[in-house]
Amino acid sequence: MTPESEGAPSRRRPQQRKQVLLRLDPLVYEALARWAGDELRSANAQIEFLLRKALAEAGRLPRETGPLPRRGRPPASGASDGTSGVSEP
C-alpha cells in the first residue's frame, strides 16, 4: 500500500475540468447569455462564476478550490508600464 492509500483520501484537484449537462429554460438561458455578454464572459464562465459566488456565500466553497481559469493571452512582462518588456541597447 502507498502512503496515500493508507490515510485520508487524497484531495488533489482533478486534472481535467468536469463536464456537466445542464438543461435550462430558453428564456433563462437568454437572460444569462446577455448578462455574461455584459461582463465579457461566456455563458459557461458566467454559470461557473455565479455557482462559485453562491457556494462562497453559503460557506460551502472548498478551500482547495483554485481561482477561475483565465482566458485569453497572458500579459507581456513589463506591460503594466506601457512597454513591451523588451529592453533596447
C-alpha atoms as a PDB file:
ATOM      1  CA  MET A   1       0.000   0.000   0.000  1.00  0.00           C
ATOM      2  CA  THR A   2       1.149   3.514  -0.689  1.00  0.00           C
ATOM      3  CA  PRO A   3       1.071   6.268   1.939  1.00  0.00           C
ATOM      4  CA  GLU A   4      -1.726   7.986   0.014  1.00  0.00           C
ATOM      5  CA  SER A   5      -3.994   4.959   0.203  1.00  0.00           C
ATOM      6  CA  GLU A   6      -3.494   4.415   3.952  1.00  0.00           C
ATOM      7  CA  GLY A   7      -4.616   7.774   5.388  1.00  0.00           C
ATOM      8  CA  ALA A   8      -7.267  10.220   4.397  1.00  0.00           C
ATOM      9  CA  PRO A   9      -8.241  10.279   0.747  1.00  0.00           C
ATOM     10  CA  SER A  10      -6.102  12.471  -1.473  1.00  0.00           C
ATOM     11  CA  ARG A  11      -7.539  15.949  -2.083  1.00  0.00           C
ATOM     12  CA  ARG A  12      -5.743  16.660  -5.339  1.00  0.00           C
ATOM     13  CA  ARG A  13      -7.654  18.643  -7.903  1.00  0.00           C
ATOM     14  CA  PRO A  14      -8.731  16.636 -10.920  1.00  0.00           C
ATOM     15  CA  GLN A  15      -6.549  17.046 -13.981  1.00  0.00           C
ATOM     16  CA  GLN A  16      -9.496  17.749 -16.258  1.00  0.00           C
ATOM     17  CA  ARG A  17     -12.435  20.052 -15.681  1.00  0.00           C
ATOM     18  CA  LYS A  18     -15.748  18.307 -15.060  1.00  0.00           C
ATOM     19  CA  GLN A  19     -18.311  18.390 -17.865  1.00  0.00           C
ATOM     20  CA  VAL A  20     -21.960  18.757 -16.857  1.00  0.00           C
ATOM     21  CA  LEU A  21     -25.093  18.707 -18.984  1.00  0.00           C
ATOM     22  CA  LEU A  22     -27.403  21.500 -17.831  1.00  0.00           C
ATOM     23  CA  ARG A  23     -30.925  21.954 -19.137  1.00  0.00           C
ATOM     24  CA  LEU A  24     -32.305  25.483 -18.820  1.00  0.00           C
ATOM     25  CA  ASP A  25     -35.489  27.239 -19.790  1.00  0.00           C
ATOM     26  CA  PRO A  26     -34.698  29.091 -23.040  1.00  0.00           C
ATOM     27  CA  LEU A  27     -35.627  32.466 -21.533  1.00  0.00           C
ATOM     28  CA  VAL A  28     -33.383  31.836 -18.525  1.00  0.00           C
ATOM     29  CA  TYR A  29     -30.520  30.946 -20.859  1.00  0.00           C
ATOM     30  CA  GLU A  30     -31.084  34.082 -22.957  1.00  0.00           C
ATOM     31  CA  ALA A  31     -31.020  36.282 -19.845  1.00  0.00           C
ATOM     32  CA  LEU A  32     -27.888  34.510 -18.617  1.00  0.00           C
ATOM     33  CA  ALA A  33     -26.185  34.883 -22.004  1.00  0.00           C
ATOM     34  CA  ARG A  34     -26.987  38.624 -22.094  1.00  0.00           C
ATOM     35  CA  TRP A  35     -25.624  39.060 -18.563  1.00  0.00           C
ATOM     36  CA  ALA A  36     -22.492  37.113 -19.487  1.00  0.00           C
ATOM     37  CA  GLY A  37     -22.006  39.279 -22.574  1.00  0.00           C
ATOM     38  CA  ASP A  38     -22.325  42.442 -20.489  1.00  0.00           C
ATOM     39  CA  GLU A  39     -19.468  41.168 -18.301  1.00  0.00           C
ATOM     40  CA  LEU A  40     -17.393  39.889 -21.246  1.00  0.00           C
ATOM     41  CA  ARG A  41     -17.775  36.246 -20.211  1.00  0.00           C
ATOM     42  CA  SER A  42     -19.102  33.189 -21.970  1.00  0.00           C
ATOM     43  CA  ALA A  43     -22.373  31.742 -20.691  1.00  0.00           C
ATOM     44  CA  ASN A  44     -20.393  28.798 -19.283  1.00  0.00           C
ATOM     45  CA  ALA A  45     -17.973  31.099 -17.425  1.00  0.00           C
ATOM     46  CA  GLN A  46     -20.912  33.126 -16.078  1.00  0.00           C
ATOM     47  CA  ILE A  47     -22.569  29.973 -14.729  1.00  0.00           C
ATOM     48  CA  GLU A  48     -19.338  28.914 -13.002  1.00  0.00           C
ATOM     49  CA  PHE A  49     -18.820  32.444 -11.631  1.00  0.00           C
ATOM     50  CA  LEU A  50     -22.334  32.502 -10.165  1.00  0.00           C
ATOM     51  CA  LEU A  51     -22.054  28.984  -8.732  1.00  0.00           C
ATOM     52  CA  ARG A  52     -18.730  29.787  -7.060  1.00  0.00           C
ATOM     53  CA  LYS A  53     -20.167  33.019  -5.640  1.00  0.00           C
ATOM     54  CA  ALA A  54     -23.204  31.178  -4.238  1.00  0.00           C
ATOM     55  CA  LEU A  55     -21.007  28.433  -2.744  1.00  0.00           C
ATOM     56  CA  ALA A  56     -18.696  31.004  -1.136  1.00  0.00           C
ATOM     57  CA  GLU A  57     -21.616  32.980   0.327  1.00  0.00           C
ATOM     58  CA  ALA A  58     -23.084  29.760   1.753  1.00  0.00           C
ATOM     59  CA  GLY A  59     -19.716  28.763   3.224  1.00  0.00           C
ATOM     60  CA  ARG A  60     -19.559  25.657   1.028  1.00  0.00           C
ATOM     61  CA  LEU A  61     -16.765  26.503  -1.413  1.00  0.00           C
ATOM     62  CA  PRO A  62     -13.874  24.091  -0.704  1.00  0.00           C
ATOM     63  CA  ARG A  63     -10.667  25.811   0.427  1.00  0.00           C
ATOM     64  CA  GLU A  64      -8.659  23.883  -2.153  1.00  0.00           C
ATOM     65  CA  THR A  65     -10.669  25.397  -4.998  1.00  0.00           C
ATOM     66  CA  GLY A  66      -8.395  27.314  -7.306  1.00  0.00           C
ATOM     67  CA  PRO A  67      -9.262  30.579  -8.999  1.00  0.00           C
ATOM     68  CA  LEU A  68     -11.377  30.699 -12.122  1.00  0.00           C
ATOM     69  CA  PRO A  69      -9.270  29.840 -15.147  1.00  0.00           C
ATOM     70  CA  ARG A  70      -8.268  32.938 -17.099  1.00  0.00           C
ATOM     71  CA  ARG A  71      -8.916  33.023 -20.809  1.00  0.00           C
ATOM     72  CA  GLY A  72      -7.033  34.874 -23.483  1.00  0.00           C
ATOM     73  CA  ARG A  73      -3.437  35.841 -23.955  1.00  0.00           C
ATOM     74  CA  PRO A  74      -1.332  36.323 -20.802  1.00  0.00           C
ATOM     75  CA  PRO A  75       0.006  39.853 -20.304  1.00  0.00           C
ATOM     76  CA  ALA A  76       3.504  40.561 -21.593  1.00  0.00           C
ATOM     77  CA  SER A  77       6.132  41.095 -18.916  1.00  0.00           C
ATOM     78  CA  GLY A  78       6.533  44.803 -18.243  1.00  0.00           C
ATOM     79  CA  ALA A  79       3.231  45.607 -19.932  1.00  0.00           C
ATOM     80  CA  SER A  80       1.948  47.416 -16.846  1.00  0.00           C
ATOM     81  CA  ASP A  81       4.139  50.430 -17.642  1.00  0.00           C
ATOM     82  CA  GLY A  82       3.142  50.503 -21.303  1.00  0.00           C
ATOM     83  CA  THR A  83       6.308  48.859 -22.618  1.00  0.00           C
ATOM     84  CA  SER A  84       6.579  45.547 -24.384  1.00  0.00           C
ATOM     85  CA  GLY A  85       9.057  44.208 -21.868  1.00  0.00           C
ATOM     86  CA  VAL A  86      11.942  44.294 -24.353  1.00  0.00           C
ATOM     87  CA  SER A  87      14.889  46.459 -23.406  1.00  0.00           C
ATOM     88  CA  GLU A  88      16.812  48.328 -26.057  1.00  0.00           C
ATOM     89  CA  PRO A  89      20.632  48.590 -26.017  1.00  0.00           C
END
